[in-house]
C-alpha cells in the first residue's frame, strides 16, 4: 500500500484584529489606481485634443496653401496673357514707329524739296529786284550777313539763323511794284511819293503768297518798317508785336542804308551809322537787337562783312 504524501501550503489566518488594516490598504490601493487611471485618461484626452488641434491647423494651412496655389496659377495665367498682350503692343508700336519714321523721312525730303524750290523762288525774285535797282544786290547780301550775325549772337539755333538770313533778303521785294521814278529818285520823297513807297511792305507780303516756306519772309516784308515805339508802318505795331526776324532786319536794313551811297545822299561812316542805331534803341529799334549789333561792331564783325561782300555771291 502506497502512502501519497500531499504537501499542504499553510494558510495564514489573520487574527480578527488585522481585518481592518487589510481593508484600508485595499482602499488606498484602489484610490491610487483610480487616480492613475484618471490621470492617464486626462492625458489621453489632452493628447487627443492636441492632435485634433494640430490636425485642424494643418488643414487650415493646407487650405491656405491650396488657395495660394490657385492664386499663383491664376496670376501665372494673367501674367502670360499680359506678356502676350505686351508683346503684341510692342510689335504694333514698332510698326507704328517704323511707319512714323518713314513718314518723317518723306516729310524731310518734301521739306528739303520745298526749301530748294523756295530758294529758287527767292533767287528769281531777287533777280527781278536787282534789275530795277543795281544797288539792291550788295545791299541785300550785307543785310543778310548782318541778320545772320545778330541772330547767332543772340543764341538762336542754326536752322533759325539760316531761315532769318534767307528771309531777310525778301524785305524789299515789294519794291518791284514801286514806280522807277520814285525808287530811283535823287531827291527826298514828297509825302505823296512816300505813301506810294510805303505800299511795298504790303505788296511784298502779297507777292510771297501763303506757302509755309515764306512765313517768316512775309512777316519781314510787312513789318521791317515797324518801330519799337509803335510809330512805324504799315500797321503801327510795337515792341513784341513785331516779329523778331523783322526787328533784326530793321536794324540791319537801316544801318546798311545809312552807310551806303544812294542817289539822293552820300554814304555815312560806320561810326555815324552806329551812332544813329544806338540813338534809336528803345524808340525805333529793339534794345536787345541793338546791343547785339553793338557787340558785333566792337569785335570787328560788321566791318569784316562789309569787306567780304564784294567777293561773295548773293545766293551763297
C-alpha atoms as a PDB file:
ATOM      1  CA  UNK A   1       0.000   0.000   0.000  1.00  0.00           C
ATOM      2  CA  UNK A   2       1.357   3.261  -1.176  1.00  0.00           C
ATOM      3  CA  UNK A   3       1.011   6.202   1.012  1.00  0.00           C
ATOM      4  CA  UNK A   4       0.701   9.604  -1.010  1.00  0.00           C
ATOM      5  CA  UNK A   5       2.112  12.451   0.807  1.00  0.00           C
ATOM      6  CA  UNK A   6       0.325  15.717  -0.050  1.00  0.00           C
ATOM      7  CA  UNK A   7       2.083  18.948   0.799  1.00  0.00           C
ATOM      8  CA  UNK A   8      -0.420  21.460   2.004  1.00  0.00           C
ATOM      9  CA  UNK A   9       0.508  25.134   1.979  1.00  0.00           C
ATOM     10  CA  UNK A  10      -0.004  26.608   5.256  1.00  0.00           C
ATOM     11  CA  UNK A  11      -2.960  29.028   5.395  1.00  0.00           C
ATOM     12  CA  UNK A  12      -2.226  32.170   7.210  1.00  0.00           C
ATOM     13  CA  UNK A  13      -5.149  33.191   9.194  1.00  0.00           C
ATOM     14  CA  UNK A  14      -5.060  36.738  10.408  1.00  0.00           C
ATOM     15  CA  UNK A  15      -6.292  37.465  13.685  1.00  0.00           C
ATOM     16  CA  UNK A  16      -9.556  39.328  13.742  1.00  0.00           C
ATOM     17  CA  UNK A  17      -7.855  42.478  14.852  1.00  0.00           C
ATOM     18  CA  UNK A  18      -5.945  42.658  11.429  1.00  0.00           C
ATOM     19  CA  UNK A  19      -9.056  42.567   9.167  1.00  0.00           C
ATOM     20  CA  UNK A  20      -9.481  46.422   9.299  1.00  0.00           C
ATOM     21  CA  UNK A  21      -5.884  47.070   8.290  1.00  0.00           C
ATOM     22  CA  UNK A  22      -6.214  44.993   5.114  1.00  0.00           C
ATOM     23  CA  UNK A  23      -9.376  46.817   4.067  1.00  0.00           C
ATOM     24  CA  UNK A  24      -7.731  50.143   4.484  1.00  0.00           C
ATOM     25  CA  UNK A  25      -4.729  49.089   2.408  1.00  0.00           C
ATOM     26  CA  UNK A  26      -7.034  47.821  -0.319  1.00  0.00           C
ATOM     27  CA  UNK A  27      -8.999  51.036  -0.271  1.00  0.00           C
ATOM     28  CA  UNK A  28      -5.844  53.120  -0.589  1.00  0.00           C
ATOM     29  CA  UNK A  29      -4.567  50.964  -3.404  1.00  0.00           C
ATOM     30  CA  UNK A  30      -7.908  51.260  -5.156  1.00  0.00           C
ATOM     31  CA  UNK A  31      -7.943  55.042  -4.813  1.00  0.00           C
ATOM     32  CA  UNK A  32      -4.385  55.212  -6.105  1.00  0.00           C
ATOM     33  CA  UNK A  33      -5.331  53.071  -9.085  1.00  0.00           C
ATOM     34  CA  UNK A  34      -8.328  55.300  -9.784  1.00  0.00           C
ATOM     35  CA  UNK A  35      -6.121  58.445  -9.675  1.00  0.00           C
ATOM     36  CA  UNK A  36      -3.635  56.880 -12.019  1.00  0.00           C
ATOM     37  CA  UNK A  37      -6.462  55.867 -14.324  1.00  0.00           C
ATOM     38  CA  UNK A  38      -7.909  59.418 -14.186  1.00  0.00           C
ATOM     39  CA  UNK A  39      -4.513  60.937 -14.931  1.00  0.00           C
ATOM     40  CA  UNK A  40      -3.995  58.539 -17.793  1.00  0.00           C
ATOM     41  CA  UNK A  41      -7.460  59.324 -19.116  1.00  0.00           C
ATOM     42  CA  UNK A  42      -6.891  63.089 -18.803  1.00  0.00           C
ATOM     43  CA  UNK A  43      -3.561  62.775 -20.572  1.00  0.00           C
ATOM     44  CA  UNK A  44      -5.223  60.767 -23.310  1.00  0.00           C
ATOM     45  CA  UNK A  45      -7.904  63.418 -23.657  1.00  0.00           C
ATOM     46  CA  UNK A  46      -5.253  66.168 -23.846  1.00  0.00           C
ATOM     47  CA  UNK A  47      -3.280  64.194 -26.396  1.00  0.00           C
ATOM     48  CA  UNK A  48      -6.419  63.634 -28.438  1.00  0.00           C
ATOM     49  CA  UNK A  49      -7.300  67.349 -28.176  1.00  0.00           C
ATOM     50  CA  UNK A  50      -3.755  68.383 -29.136  1.00  0.00           C
ATOM     51  CA  UNK A  51      -3.843  66.008 -32.070  1.00  0.00           C
ATOM     52  CA  UNK A  52      -7.237  67.398 -33.151  1.00  0.00           C
ATOM     53  CA  UNK A  53      -5.912  70.986 -32.892  1.00  0.00           C
ATOM     54  CA  UNK A  54      -2.750  70.063 -34.816  1.00  0.00           C
ATOM     55  CA  UNK A  55      -4.856  68.375 -37.458  1.00  0.00           C
ATOM     56  CA  UNK A  56      -7.138  71.443 -37.646  1.00  0.00           C
ATOM     57  CA  UNK A  57      -4.141  73.793 -38.054  1.00  0.00           C
ATOM     58  CA  UNK A  58      -2.685  71.542 -40.700  1.00  0.00           C
ATOM     59  CA  UNK A  59      -5.996  71.606 -42.527  1.00  0.00           C
ATOM     60  CA  UNK A  60      -6.090  75.408 -42.338  1.00  0.00           C
ATOM     61  CA  UNK A  61      -2.512  75.615 -43.615  1.00  0.00           C
ATOM     62  CA  UNK A  62      -3.326  73.141 -46.348  1.00  0.00           C
ATOM     63  CA  UNK A  63      -6.416  75.121 -47.373  1.00  0.00           C
ATOM     64  CA  UNK A  64      -4.396  78.355 -47.356  1.00  0.00           C
ATOM     65  CA  UNK A  65      -1.673  76.701 -49.402  1.00  0.00           C
ATOM     66  CA  UNK A  66      -4.192  75.418 -51.926  1.00  0.00           C
ATOM     67  CA  UNK A  67      -5.798  78.880 -52.109  1.00  0.00           C
ATOM     68  CA  UNK A  68      -2.386  80.495 -52.652  1.00  0.00           C
ATOM     69  CA  UNK A  69      -1.551  77.863 -55.227  1.00  0.00           C
ATOM     70  CA  UNK A  70      -4.765  78.640 -57.082  1.00  0.00           C
ATOM     71  CA  UNK A  71      -3.995  82.367 -56.822  1.00  0.00           C
ATOM     72  CA  UNK A  72      -0.482  81.828 -58.163  1.00  0.00           C
ATOM     73  CA  UNK A  73      -1.811  79.751 -61.032  1.00  0.00           C
ATOM     74  CA  UNK A  74      -4.333  82.481 -61.817  1.00  0.00           C
ATOM     75  CA  UNK A  75      -1.565  85.115 -61.647  1.00  0.00           C
ATOM     76  CA  UNK A  76       0.571  82.939 -63.893  1.00  0.00           C
ATOM     77  CA  UNK A  77      -2.221  82.778 -66.473  1.00  0.00           C
ATOM     78  CA  UNK A  78      -2.811  86.536 -66.163  1.00  0.00           C
ATOM     79  CA  UNK A  79       0.929  87.206 -66.456  1.00  0.00           C
ATOM     80  CA  UNK A  80       1.094  85.033 -69.540  1.00  0.00           C
ATOM     81  CA  UNK A  81      -1.811  86.913 -71.101  1.00  0.00           C
ATOM     82  CA  UNK A  82      -0.246  90.247 -70.087  1.00  0.00           C
ATOM     83  CA  UNK A  83       3.087  89.206 -71.614  1.00  0.00           C
ATOM     84  CA  UNK A  84       1.328  88.182 -74.811  1.00  0.00           C
ATOM     85  CA  UNK A  85      -0.630  91.461 -74.888  1.00  0.00           C
ATOM     86  CA  UNK A  86       2.565  93.406 -74.183  1.00  0.00           C
ATOM     87  CA  UNK A  87       4.381  91.595 -76.972  1.00  0.00           C
ATOM     88  CA  UNK A  88       1.520  92.439 -79.319  1.00  0.00           C
ATOM     89  CA  UNK A  89       1.593  96.070 -78.208  1.00  0.00           C
ATOM     90  CA  UNK A  90       5.368  96.227 -78.713  1.00  0.00           C
ATOM     91  CA  UNK A  91       5.029  94.797 -82.202  1.00  0.00           C
ATOM     92  CA  UNK A  92       2.308  97.309 -83.003  1.00  0.00           C
ATOM     93  CA  UNK A  93       4.371 100.142 -81.503  1.00  0.00           C
ATOM     94  CA  UNK A  94       7.416  99.087 -83.502  1.00  0.00           C
ATOM     95  CA  UNK A  95       5.324  99.026 -86.661  1.00  0.00           C
ATOM     96  CA  UNK A  96       3.871 102.457 -85.842  1.00  0.00           C
ATOM     97  CA  UNK A  97       7.368 103.810 -85.110  1.00  0.00           C
ATOM     98  CA  UNK A  98       8.668 102.461 -88.390  1.00  0.00           C
ATOM     99  CA  UNK A  99       5.694 103.978 -90.172  1.00  0.00           C
ATOM    100  CA  UNK A 100       6.318 107.292 -88.391  1.00  0.00           C
ATOM    101  CA  UNK A 101       9.997 107.185 -89.324  1.00  0.00           C
ATOM    102  CA  UNK A 102       9.041 106.609 -92.944  1.00  0.00           C
ATOM    103  CA  UNK A 103       6.580 109.493 -92.779  1.00  0.00           C
ATOM    104  CA  UNK A 104       9.184 111.744 -91.149  1.00  0.00           C
ATOM    105  CA  UNK A 105      11.719 110.834 -93.809  1.00  0.00           C
ATOM    106  CA  UNK A 106       9.172 111.604 -96.508  1.00  0.00           C
ATOM    107  CA  UNK A 107       8.406 114.915 -94.784  1.00  0.00           C
ATOM    108  CA  UNK A 108      12.116 115.684 -94.553  1.00  0.00           C
ATOM    109  CA  UNK A 109      12.519 115.011 -98.261  1.00  0.00           C
ATOM    110  CA  UNK A 110       9.438 117.109 -99.020  1.00  0.00           C
ATOM    111  CA  UNK A 111      10.718 119.936 -96.788  1.00  0.00           C
ATOM    112  CA  UNK A 112      14.113 119.822 -98.457  1.00  0.00           C
ATOM    113  CA  UNK A 113      12.447 119.978-101.856  1.00  0.00           C
ATOM    114  CA  UNK A 114      10.265 122.824-100.598  1.00  0.00           C
ATOM    115  CA  UNK A 115      13.388 124.585 -99.341  1.00  0.00           C
ATOM    116  CA  UNK A 116      15.143 124.207-102.696  1.00  0.00           C
ATOM    117  CA  UNK A 117      12.044 125.400-104.512  1.00  0.00           C
ATOM    118  CA  UNK A 118      11.694 128.327-102.100  1.00  0.00           C
ATOM    119  CA  UNK A 119      15.315 129.355-102.500  1.00  0.00           C
ATOM    120  CA  UNK A 120      14.949 129.179-106.280  1.00  0.00           C
ATOM    121  CA  UNK A 121      11.901 131.412-105.967  1.00  0.00           C
ATOM    122  CA  UNK A 122      13.897 133.842-103.838  1.00  0.00           C
ATOM    123  CA  UNK A 123      16.660 133.900-106.428  1.00  0.00           C
ATOM    124  CA  UNK A 124      14.188 134.699-109.200  1.00  0.00           C
ATOM    125  CA  UNK A 125      12.539 137.455-107.183  1.00  0.00           C
ATOM    126  CA  UNK A 126      15.887 138.950-106.243  1.00  0.00           C
ATOM    127  CA  UNK A 127      17.000 138.887-109.858  1.00  0.00           C
ATOM    128  CA  UNK A 128      13.898 140.840-110.789  1.00  0.00           C
ATOM    129  CA  UNK A 129      14.501 143.323-107.952  1.00  0.00           C
ATOM    130  CA  UNK A 130      18.165 143.743-108.917  1.00  0.00           C
ATOM    131  CA  UNK A 131      17.242 144.568-112.496  1.00  0.00           C
ATOM    132  CA  UNK A 132      15.239 147.526-111.178  1.00  0.00           C
ATOM    133  CA  UNK A 133      17.921 148.769-108.785  1.00  0.00           C
ATOM    134  CA  UNK A 134      21.603 147.999-109.362  1.00  0.00           C
ATOM    135  CA  UNK A 135      22.443 148.690-105.692  1.00  0.00           C
ATOM    136  CA  UNK A 136      19.930 146.092-104.432  1.00  0.00           C
ATOM    137  CA  UNK A 137      22.161 143.000-104.704  1.00  0.00           C
ATOM    138  CA  UNK A 138      25.009 144.156-102.466  1.00  0.00           C
ATOM    139  CA  UNK A 139      22.577 145.771-100.025  1.00  0.00           C
ATOM    140  CA  UNK A 140      20.584 142.565 -99.631  1.00  0.00           C
ATOM    141  CA  UNK A 141      23.672 140.448 -99.117  1.00  0.00           C
ATOM    142  CA  UNK A 142      25.045 142.768 -96.442  1.00  0.00           C
ATOM    143  CA  UNK A 143      21.660 142.829 -94.708  1.00  0.00           C
ATOM    144  CA  UNK A 144      21.548 139.022 -94.780  1.00  0.00           C
ATOM    145  CA  UNK A 145      25.029 138.723 -93.310  1.00  0.00           C
ATOM    146  CA  UNK A 146      24.214 141.278 -90.600  1.00  0.00           C
ATOM    147  CA  UNK A 147      20.976 139.462 -89.753  1.00  0.00           C
ATOM    148  CA  UNK A 148      22.704 136.079 -89.503  1.00  0.00           C
ATOM    149  CA  UNK A 149      25.441 137.549 -87.305  1.00  0.00           C
ATOM    150  CA  UNK A 150      22.892 139.186 -84.978  1.00  0.00           C
ATOM    151  CA  UNK A 151      20.767 136.026 -84.742  1.00  0.00           C
ATOM    152  CA  UNK A 152      23.849 133.939 -83.963  1.00  0.00           C
ATOM    153  CA  UNK A 153      24.977 136.438 -81.292  1.00  0.00           C
ATOM    154  CA  UNK A 154      21.504 136.204 -79.715  1.00  0.00           C
ATOM    155  CA  UNK A 155      21.983 132.439 -79.366  1.00  0.00           C
ATOM    156  CA  UNK A 156      19.405 131.324 -81.902  1.00  0.00           C
ATOM    157  CA  UNK A 157      19.576 127.764 -83.381  1.00  0.00           C
ATOM    158  CA  UNK A 158      21.492 127.381 -86.647  1.00  0.00           C
ATOM    159  CA  UNK A 159      18.356 126.429 -88.583  1.00  0.00           C
ATOM    160  CA  UNK A 160      16.568 129.569 -87.420  1.00  0.00           C
ATOM    161  CA  UNK A 161      19.631 131.703 -88.185  1.00  0.00           C
ATOM    162  CA  UNK A 162      19.560 130.375 -91.742  1.00  0.00           C
ATOM    163  CA  UNK A 163      15.796 130.967 -92.028  1.00  0.00           C
ATOM    164  CA  UNK A 164      16.113 134.559 -90.816  1.00  0.00           C
ATOM    165  CA  UNK A 165      19.001 135.060 -93.226  1.00  0.00           C
ATOM    166  CA  UNK A 166      17.293 133.961 -96.432  1.00  0.00           C
ATOM    167  CA  UNK A 167      14.025 135.600 -95.322  1.00  0.00           C
ATOM    168  CA  UNK A 168      15.780 138.928 -94.781  1.00  0.00           C
ATOM    169  CA  UNK A 169      16.681 139.293 -98.456  1.00  0.00           C
ATOM    170  CA  UNK A 170      12.950 139.436 -99.233  1.00  0.00           C
ATOM    171  CA  UNK A 171      12.290 142.503 -97.124  1.00  0.00           C
ATOM    172  CA  UNK A 172      12.121 144.918-100.090  1.00  0.00           C
ATOM    173  CA  UNK A 173      10.747 142.505-102.705  1.00  0.00           C
ATOM    174  CA  UNK A 174       7.546 144.577-102.865  1.00  0.00           C
ATOM    175  CA  UNK A 175       9.528 147.422-104.461  1.00  0.00           C
ATOM    176  CA  UNK A 176       9.230 145.534-107.750  1.00  0.00           C
ATOM    177  CA  UNK A 177       5.843 147.246-107.944  1.00  0.00           C
ATOM    178  CA  UNK A 178       7.220 150.662-106.969  1.00  0.00           C
ATOM    179  CA  UNK A 179       7.458 153.086-109.944  1.00  0.00           C
ATOM    180  CA  UNK A 180      11.036 153.628-111.138  1.00  0.00           C
ATOM    181  CA  UNK A 181      10.870 157.416-110.868  1.00  0.00           C
ATOM    182  CA  UNK A 182      10.174 157.073-107.132  1.00  0.00           C
ATOM    183  CA  UNK A 183      12.574 154.214-106.497  1.00  0.00           C
ATOM    184  CA  UNK A 184      15.460 155.941-108.275  1.00  0.00           C
ATOM    185  CA  UNK A 185      14.630 159.475-107.194  1.00  0.00           C
ATOM    186  CA  UNK A 186      17.676 161.646-106.436  1.00  0.00           C
ATOM    187  CA  UNK A 187      15.795 163.898-104.054  1.00  0.00           C
ATOM    188  CA  UNK A 188      13.921 163.344-100.824  1.00  0.00           C
ATOM    189  CA  UNK A 189      10.459 161.955-101.470  1.00  0.00           C
ATOM    190  CA  UNK A 190       7.357 164.083-101.189  1.00  0.00           C
ATOM    191  CA  UNK A 191       4.637 162.984 -98.804  1.00  0.00           C
ATOM    192  CA  UNK A 192       2.652 161.573-101.740  1.00  0.00           C
ATOM    193  CA  UNK A 193       5.673 159.653-103.048  1.00  0.00           C
ATOM    194  CA  UNK A 194       6.406 158.385 -99.565  1.00  0.00           C
ATOM    195  CA  UNK A 195       2.865 156.996 -99.296  1.00  0.00           C
ATOM    196  CA  UNK A 196       3.456 155.167-102.572  1.00  0.00           C
ATOM    197  CA  UNK A 197       6.735 153.631-101.453  1.00  0.00           C
ATOM    198  CA  UNK A 198       5.242 152.574 -98.115  1.00  0.00           C
ATOM    199  CA  UNK A 199       2.988 150.256-100.095  1.00  0.00           C
ATOM    200  CA  UNK A 200       5.985 147.990-100.836  1.00  0.00           C
ATOM    201  CA  UNK A 201       5.561 146.390 -97.385  1.00  0.00           C
ATOM    202  CA  UNK A 202       2.062 145.195 -98.211  1.00  0.00           C
ATOM    203  CA  UNK A 203       2.962 144.335-101.813  1.00  0.00           C
ATOM    204  CA  UNK A 204       5.910 142.251-100.635  1.00  0.00           C
ATOM    205  CA  UNK A 205       3.764 140.218 -98.261  1.00  0.00           C
ATOM    206  CA  UNK A 206       1.208 139.575-101.010  1.00  0.00           C
ATOM    207  CA  UNK A 207       3.878 138.580-103.524  1.00  0.00           C
ATOM    208  CA  UNK A 208       5.181 135.906-101.188  1.00  0.00           C
ATOM    209  CA  UNK A 209       1.817 134.116-101.192  1.00  0.00           C
ATOM    210  CA  UNK A 210       0.775 131.693 -98.462  1.00  0.00           C
ATOM    211  CA  UNK A 211       3.432 128.952 -98.726  1.00  0.00           C
ATOM    212  CA  UNK A 212       4.759 127.828 -95.345  1.00  0.00           C
ATOM    213  CA  UNK A 213       8.337 128.296 -96.522  1.00  0.00           C
ATOM    214  CA  UNK A 214       7.782 132.059 -96.839  1.00  0.00           C
ATOM    215  CA  UNK A 215       6.041 132.520 -93.464  1.00  0.00           C
ATOM    216  CA  UNK A 216       8.987 134.356 -91.883  1.00  0.00           C
ATOM    217  CA  UNK A 217       9.749 136.221 -95.109  1.00  0.00           C
ATOM    218  CA  UNK A 218       6.148 137.503 -95.248  1.00  0.00           C
ATOM    219  CA  UNK A 219       6.451 138.844 -91.703  1.00  0.00           C
ATOM    220  CA  UNK A 220       9.775 140.502 -92.561  1.00  0.00           C
ATOM    221  CA  UNK A 221       8.406 142.054 -95.767  1.00  0.00           C
ATOM    222  CA  UNK A 222       5.411 143.561 -93.988  1.00  0.00           C
ATOM    223  CA  UNK A 223       6.957 144.548 -90.637  1.00  0.00           C
ATOM    224  CA  UNK A 224      10.530 145.687 -91.312  1.00  0.00           C
ATOM    225  CA  UNK A 225       9.453 149.368 -91.193  1.00  0.00           C
ATOM    226  CA  UNK A 226       7.527 148.981 -87.921  1.00  0.00           C
ATOM    227  CA  UNK A 227       9.093 150.704 -84.904  1.00  0.00           C
ATOM    228  CA  UNK A 228       9.677 149.596 -81.323  1.00  0.00           C
ATOM    229  CA  UNK A 229       7.653 152.622 -80.108  1.00  0.00           C
ATOM    230  CA  UNK A 230       4.705 151.833 -82.400  1.00  0.00           C
ATOM    231  CA  UNK A 231       5.256 154.817 -84.710  1.00  0.00           C
ATOM    232  CA  UNK A 232       6.178 152.769 -87.796  1.00  0.00           C
ATOM    233  CA  UNK A 233       4.159 151.451 -90.741  1.00  0.00           C
ATOM    234  CA  UNK A 234       2.066 149.871 -92.191  1.00  0.00           C
ATOM    235  CA  UNK A 235       0.262 148.606 -89.046  1.00  0.00           C
ATOM    236  CA  UNK A 236       1.729 150.628 -86.174  1.00  0.00           C
ATOM    237  CA  UNK A 237       2.850 147.530 -84.312  1.00  0.00           C
ATOM    238  CA  UNK A 238       5.085 147.992 -81.274  1.00  0.00           C
ATOM    239  CA  UNK A 239       7.733 146.039 -79.353  1.00  0.00           C
ATOM    240  CA  UNK A 240       6.918 142.329 -79.096  1.00  0.00           C
ATOM    241  CA  UNK A 241       4.031 142.629 -81.555  1.00  0.00           C
ATOM    242  CA  UNK A 242       6.673 142.843 -84.264  1.00  0.00           C
ATOM    243  CA  UNK A 243       8.241 139.512 -85.244  1.00  0.00           C
ATOM    244  CA  UNK A 244      11.817 139.029 -84.022  1.00  0.00           C
ATOM    245  CA  UNK A 245      13.019 138.476 -87.589  1.00  0.00           C
ATOM    246  CA  UNK A 246      11.588 141.840 -88.652  1.00  0.00           C
ATOM    247  CA  UNK A 247      13.112 143.593 -85.616  1.00  0.00           C
ATOM    248  CA  UNK A 248      16.536 142.234 -86.533  1.00  0.00           C
ATOM    249  CA  UNK A 249      16.135 143.093 -90.217  1.00  0.00           C
ATOM    250  CA  UNK A 250      15.076 146.624 -89.290  1.00  0.00           C
ATOM    251  CA  UNK A 251      18.425 147.322 -87.588  1.00  0.00           C
ATOM    252  CA  UNK A 252      20.464 145.693 -90.354  1.00  0.00           C
ATOM    253  CA  UNK A 253      18.494 147.403 -93.148  1.00  0.00           C
ATOM    254  CA  UNK A 254      18.653 150.910 -91.669  1.00  0.00           C
ATOM    255  CA  UNK A 255      22.353 150.619 -90.824  1.00  0.00           C
ATOM    256  CA  UNK A 256      23.259 149.472 -94.331  1.00  0.00           C
ATOM    257  CA  UNK A 257      21.075 152.156 -95.923  1.00  0.00           C
ATOM    258  CA  UNK A 258      22.771 154.839 -93.835  1.00  0.00           C
ATOM    259  CA  UNK A 259      26.289 153.608 -94.582  1.00  0.00           C
ATOM    260  CA  UNK A 260      25.685 153.083 -98.320  1.00  0.00           C
ATOM    261  CA  UNK A 261      25.590 155.660-101.109  1.00  0.00           C
ATOM    262  CA  UNK A 262      22.195 156.380-102.560  1.00  0.00           C
ATOM    263  CA  UNK A 263      21.145 158.600-105.497  1.00  0.00           C
ATOM    264  CA  UNK A 264      19.940 161.178-103.002  1.00  0.00           C
ATOM    265  CA  UNK A 265      22.792 161.007-100.419  1.00  0.00           C
ATOM    266  CA  UNK A 266      26.384 160.041 -99.718  1.00  0.00           C
ATOM    267  CA  UNK A 267      27.346 157.095 -97.524  1.00  0.00           C
ATOM    268  CA  UNK A 268      27.727 157.697 -93.814  1.00  0.00           C
ATOM    269  CA  UNK A 269      30.766 156.353 -91.962  1.00  0.00           C
ATOM    270  CA  UNK A 270      30.376 153.211 -89.883  1.00  0.00           C
ATOM    271  CA  UNK A 271      30.678 155.245 -86.678  1.00  0.00           C
ATOM    272  CA  UNK A 272      27.965 157.661 -87.813  1.00  0.00           C
ATOM    273  CA  UNK A 273      25.731 154.727 -88.742  1.00  0.00           C
ATOM    274  CA  UNK A 274      26.316 153.040 -85.375  1.00  0.00           C
ATOM    275  CA  UNK A 275      25.570 156.282 -83.524  1.00  0.00           C
ATOM    276  CA  UNK A 276      22.240 156.550 -85.306  1.00  0.00           C
ATOM    277  CA  UNK A 277      21.339 152.929 -84.494  1.00  0.00           C
ATOM    278  CA  UNK A 278      22.258 153.339 -80.821  1.00  0.00           C
ATOM    279  CA  UNK A 279      20.283 156.582 -80.618  1.00  0.00           C
ATOM    280  CA  UNK A 280      17.230 154.734 -81.939  1.00  0.00           C
ATOM    281  CA  UNK A 281      17.450 151.957 -79.334  1.00  0.00           C
ATOM    282  CA  UNK A 282      14.174 151.687 -77.427  1.00  0.00           C
ATOM    283  CA  UNK A 283      12.488 154.056 -79.868  1.00  0.00           C
ATOM    284  CA  UNK A 284      12.891 152.798 -83.398  1.00  0.00           C
ATOM    285  CA  UNK A 285      14.744 149.588 -82.603  1.00  0.00           C
ATOM    286  CA  UNK A 286      14.598 146.623 -80.228  1.00  0.00           C
ATOM    287  CA  UNK A 287      17.189 147.373 -77.484  1.00  0.00           C
ATOM    288  CA  UNK A 288      18.378 143.745 -77.355  1.00  0.00           C
ATOM    289  CA  UNK A 289      18.999 143.690 -81.090  1.00  0.00           C
ATOM    290  CA  UNK A 290      20.868 146.999 -80.897  1.00  0.00           C
ATOM    291  CA  UNK A 291      23.042 145.658 -78.052  1.00  0.00           C
ATOM    292  CA  UNK A 292      23.907 142.594 -80.139  1.00  0.00           C
ATOM    293  CA  UNK A 293      24.715 144.800 -83.129  1.00  0.00           C
ATOM    294  CA  UNK A 294      26.976 146.989 -80.976  1.00  0.00           C
ATOM    295  CA  UNK A 295      28.863 143.896 -79.799  1.00  0.00           C
ATOM    296  CA  UNK A 296      29.341 142.768 -83.410  1.00  0.00           C
ATOM    297  CA  UNK A 297      30.641 146.198 -84.334  1.00  0.00           C
ATOM    298  CA  UNK A 298      33.027 146.167 -81.384  1.00  0.00           C
ATOM    299  CA  UNK A 299      34.545 142.789 -82.309  1.00  0.00           C
ATOM    300  CA  UNK A 300      35.008 143.796 -85.963  1.00  0.00           C
ATOM    301  CA  UNK A 301      32.309 141.558 -87.431  1.00  0.00           C
ATOM    302  CA  UNK A 302      30.401 144.412 -89.071  1.00  0.00           C
ATOM    303  CA  UNK A 303      33.484 145.831 -90.774  1.00  0.00           C
ATOM    304  CA  UNK A 304      34.532 142.344 -91.921  1.00  0.00           C
ATOM    305  CA  UNK A 305      31.138 141.717 -93.509  1.00  0.00           C
ATOM    306  CA  UNK A 306      31.352 144.974 -95.441  1.00  0.00           C
ATOM    307  CA  UNK A 307      34.770 143.987 -96.752  1.00  0.00           C
ATOM    308  CA  UNK A 308      33.708 140.461 -97.756  1.00  0.00           C
ATOM    309  CA  UNK A 309      30.502 141.315 -99.608  1.00  0.00           C
ATOM    310  CA  UNK A 310      32.263 142.376-102.796  1.00  0.00           C
ATOM    311  CA  UNK A 311      33.667 138.866-103.317  1.00  0.00           C
ATOM    312  CA  UNK A 312      30.625 136.859-102.220  1.00  0.00           C
ATOM    313  CA  UNK A 313      27.648 135.800-104.330  1.00  0.00           C
ATOM    314  CA  UNK A 314      24.179 136.867-103.312  1.00  0.00           C
ATOM    315  CA  UNK A 315      22.875 133.279-103.220  1.00  0.00           C
ATOM    316  CA  UNK A 316      25.778 131.901-101.166  1.00  0.00           C
END
